Amino acid sequence: MKLWKKNLILLVIVVVILAAPPIFIKNAEFAGADGLAEEQITKIAPDYKPWFESLFEPKSGEIESLLFALQAAIGAGVVGFILGRMTSVKGKSGSET
């Protein structure tokens, strides 16, 4: 099978996996771990005070999600770049011997 066909199949699988939960699970809340953790902490210790406050609070949840996705994309790019460089360096040194 050609490489572009494999990549296309993988892309379709990723899209299906990402699109399935919102389509098939109606009226569900997909809350983040931070919000759920905060709820549990207030149940366990109602007088708990956080150690520090946020330096920057986005105006909406959409902007917060965008910034989180951007952070994840930059991190994935850095990790991918480093792994790619490591692989290419090993490939070059291995072919010389």
C-alpha atoms as a PDB file:
ATOM      1  CA  MET A   1       0.000   0.000   0.000  1.00  0.00           C
ATOM      2  CA  LYS A   2       1.322   3.425  -0.875  1.00  0.00           C
ATOM      3  CA  LEU A   3       2.339   5.833   1.873  1.00  0.00           C
ATOM      4  CA  TRP A   4      -0.278   8.459   0.981  1.00  0.00           C
ATOM      5  CA  LYS A   5      -3.051   5.837   1.213  1.00  0.00           C
ATOM      6  CA  LYS A   6      -1.891   4.776   4.674  1.00  0.00           C
ATOM      7  CA  ASN A   7      -1.744   8.408   5.773  1.00  0.00           C
ATOM      8  CA  LEU A   8      -5.232   9.057   4.384  1.00  0.00           C
ATOM      9  CA  ILE A   9      -6.645   6.028   6.221  1.00  0.00           C
ATOM     10  CA  LEU A  10      -4.986   7.137   9.475  1.00  0.00           C
ATOM     11  CA  LEU A  11      -6.341  10.661   9.016  1.00  0.00           C
ATOM     12  CA  VAL A  12      -9.883   9.340   8.514  1.00  0.00           C
ATOM     13  CA  ILE A  13      -9.555   7.163  11.635  1.00  0.00           C
ATOM     14  CA  VAL A  14      -8.394  10.159  13.695  1.00  0.00           C
ATOM     15  CA  VAL A  15     -11.305  12.295  12.450  1.00  0.00           C
ATOM     16  CA  VAL A  16     -13.812   9.543  13.276  1.00  0.00           C
ATOM     17  CA  ILE A  17     -12.357   9.093  16.772  1.00  0.00           C
ATOM     18  CA  LEU A  18     -12.507  12.835  17.436  1.00  0.00           C
ATOM     19  CA  ALA A  19     -15.976  13.336  15.986  1.00  0.00           C
ATOM     20  CA  ALA A  20     -17.693  10.277  17.502  1.00  0.00           C
ATOM     21  CA  PRO A  21     -18.151  11.381  21.146  1.00  0.00           C
ATOM     22  CA  PRO A  22     -19.929  14.697  20.449  1.00  0.00           C
ATOM     23  CA  ILE A  23     -22.116  13.054  17.783  1.00  0.00           C
ATOM     24  CA  PHE A  24     -23.175   9.905  19.648  1.00  0.00           C
ATOM     25  CA  ILE A  25     -23.270  11.131  23.258  1.00  0.00           C
ATOM     26  CA  LYS A  26     -26.012  13.749  23.374  1.00  0.00           C
ATOM     27  CA  ASN A  27     -26.307  16.330  26.183  1.00  0.00           C
ATOM     28  CA  ALA A  28     -22.969  15.286  27.686  1.00  0.00           C
ATOM     29  CA  GLU A  29     -20.587  17.648  29.411  1.00  0.00           C
ATOM     30  CA  PHE A  30     -16.992  17.208  28.383  1.00  0.00           C
ATOM     31  CA  ALA A  31     -15.479  18.998  31.347  1.00  0.00           C
ATOM     32  CA  GLY A  32     -11.767  19.328  31.874  1.00  0.00           C
ATOM     33  CA  ALA A  33      -9.847  17.683  34.678  1.00  0.00           C
ATOM     34  CA  ASP A  34      -9.164  21.052  36.332  1.00  0.00           C
ATOM     35  CA  GLY A  35     -12.850  21.761  36.892  1.00  0.00           C
ATOM     36  CA  LEU A  36     -13.563  18.269  38.181  1.00  0.00           C
ATOM     37  CA  ALA A  37     -10.574  18.432  40.540  1.00  0.00           C
ATOM     38  CA  GLU A  38     -11.759  21.775  41.881  1.00  0.00           C
ATOM     39  CA  GLU A  39     -15.215  20.328  42.587  1.00  0.00           C
ATOM     40  CA  GLN A  40     -13.726  17.380  44.503  1.00  0.00           C
ATOM     41  CA  ILE A  41     -11.403  19.623  46.516  1.00  0.00           C
ATOM     42  CA  THR A  42     -14.285  21.868  47.587  1.00  0.00           C
ATOM     43  CA  LYS A  43     -16.297  18.777  48.628  1.00  0.00           C
ATOM     44  CA  ILE A  44     -13.439  17.337  50.670  1.00  0.00           C
ATOM     45  CA  ALA A  45     -12.072  20.575  52.167  1.00  0.00           C
ATOM     46  CA  PRO A  46     -14.461  23.527  51.743  1.00  0.00           C
ATOM     47  CA  ASP A  47     -12.075  25.956  53.474  1.00  0.00           C
ATOM     48  CA  TYR A  48      -9.106  25.129  51.203  1.00  0.00           C
ATOM     49  CA  LYS A  49      -7.344  28.158  49.731  1.00  0.00           C
ATOM     50  CA  PRO A  50      -5.188  27.832  46.582  1.00  0.00           C
ATOM     51  CA  TRP A  51      -1.479  28.576  46.916  1.00  0.00           C
ATOM     52  CA  PHE A  52      -1.537  31.123  44.082  1.00  0.00           C
ATOM     53  CA  GLU A  53      -3.862  32.761  41.571  1.00  0.00           C
ATOM     54  CA  SER A  54      -3.660  32.638  37.781  1.00  0.00           C
ATOM     55  CA  LEU A  55      -1.470  35.260  36.155  1.00  0.00           C
ATOM     56  CA  PHE A  56      -3.709  35.425  33.066  1.00  0.00           C
ATOM     57  CA  GLU A  57      -7.388  34.542  32.789  1.00  0.00           C
ATOM     58  CA  PRO A  58      -8.744  34.190  29.213  1.00  0.00           C
ATOM     59  CA  LYS A  59     -12.016  35.996  28.488  1.00  0.00           C
ATOM     60  CA  SER A  60     -13.823  32.831  27.368  1.00  0.00           C
ATOM     61  CA  GLY A  61     -13.572  29.061  27.402  1.00  0.00           C
ATOM     62  CA  GLU A  62     -12.993  29.027  23.651  1.00  0.00           C
ATOM     63  CA  ILE A  63      -9.882  31.191  23.980  1.00  0.00           C
ATOM     64  CA  GLU A  64      -8.669  28.999  26.830  1.00  0.00           C
ATOM     65  CA  SER A  65      -9.133  25.910  24.647  1.00  0.00           C
ATOM     66  CA  LEU A  66      -7.344  27.625  21.763  1.00  0.00           C
ATOM     67  CA  LEU A  67      -4.360  28.492  23.955  1.00  0.00           C
ATOM     68  CA  PHE A  68      -4.237  24.947  25.334  1.00  0.00           C
ATOM     69  CA  ALA A  69      -4.338  23.477  21.814  1.00  0.00           C
ATOM     70  CA  LEU A  70      -1.634  25.903  20.677  1.00  0.00           C
ATOM     71  CA  GLN A  71       0.549  24.898  23.618  1.00  0.00           C
ATOM     72  CA  ALA A  72       0.044  21.219  22.773  1.00  0.00           C
ATOM     73  CA  ALA A  73       0.838  21.827  19.091  1.00  0.00           C
ATOM     74  CA  ILE A  74       4.046  23.688  19.901  1.00  0.00           C
ATOM     75  CA  GLY A  75       5.093  20.927  22.305  1.00  0.00           C
ATOM     76  CA  ALA A  76       4.340  18.223  19.736  1.00  0.00           C
ATOM     77  CA  GLY A  77       6.317  20.173  17.125  1.00  0.00           C
ATOM     78  CA  VAL A  78       9.332  20.474  19.419  1.00  0.00           C
ATOM     79  CA  VAL A  79       9.234  16.778  20.351  1.00  0.00           C
ATOM     80  CA  GLY A  80       8.767  15.781  16.691  1.00  0.00           C
ATOM     81  CA  PHE A  81      11.649  18.005  15.602  1.00  0.00           C
ATOM     82  CA  ILE A  82      13.985  16.567  18.243  1.00  0.00           C
ATOM     83  CA  LEU A  83      13.028  12.979  17.436  1.00  0.00           C
ATOM     84  CA  GLY A  84      13.438  13.683  13.726  1.00  0.00           C
ATOM     85  CA  ARG A  85      16.891  15.164  14.258  1.00  0.00           C
ATOM     86  CA  MET A  86      17.911  12.227  16.439  1.00  0.00           C
ATOM     87  CA  THR A  87      16.706   9.766  13.799  1.00  0.00           C
ATOM     88  CA  SER A  88      18.440  11.570  10.936  1.00  0.00           C
ATOM     89  CA  VAL A  89      21.722  11.798  12.856  1.00  0.00           C
ATOM     90  CA  LYS A  90      21.625   8.072  13.656  1.00  0.00           C
ATOM     91  CA  GLY A  91      20.725   7.276  10.044  1.00  0.00           C
ATOM     92  CA  LYS A  92      23.683   9.265   8.698  1.00  0.00           C
ATOM     93  CA  SER A  93      26.187   7.796  11.140  1.00  0.00           C
ATOM     94  CA  GLY A  94      24.894   4.271  10.539  1.00  0.00           C
ATOM     95  CA  SER A  95      25.271   4.497   6.756  1.00  0.00           C
ATOM     96  CA  GLU A  96      28.909   5.610   6.932  1.00  0.00           C
ATOM     97  CA  THR A  97      30.147   2.436   8.629  1.00  0.00           C
END
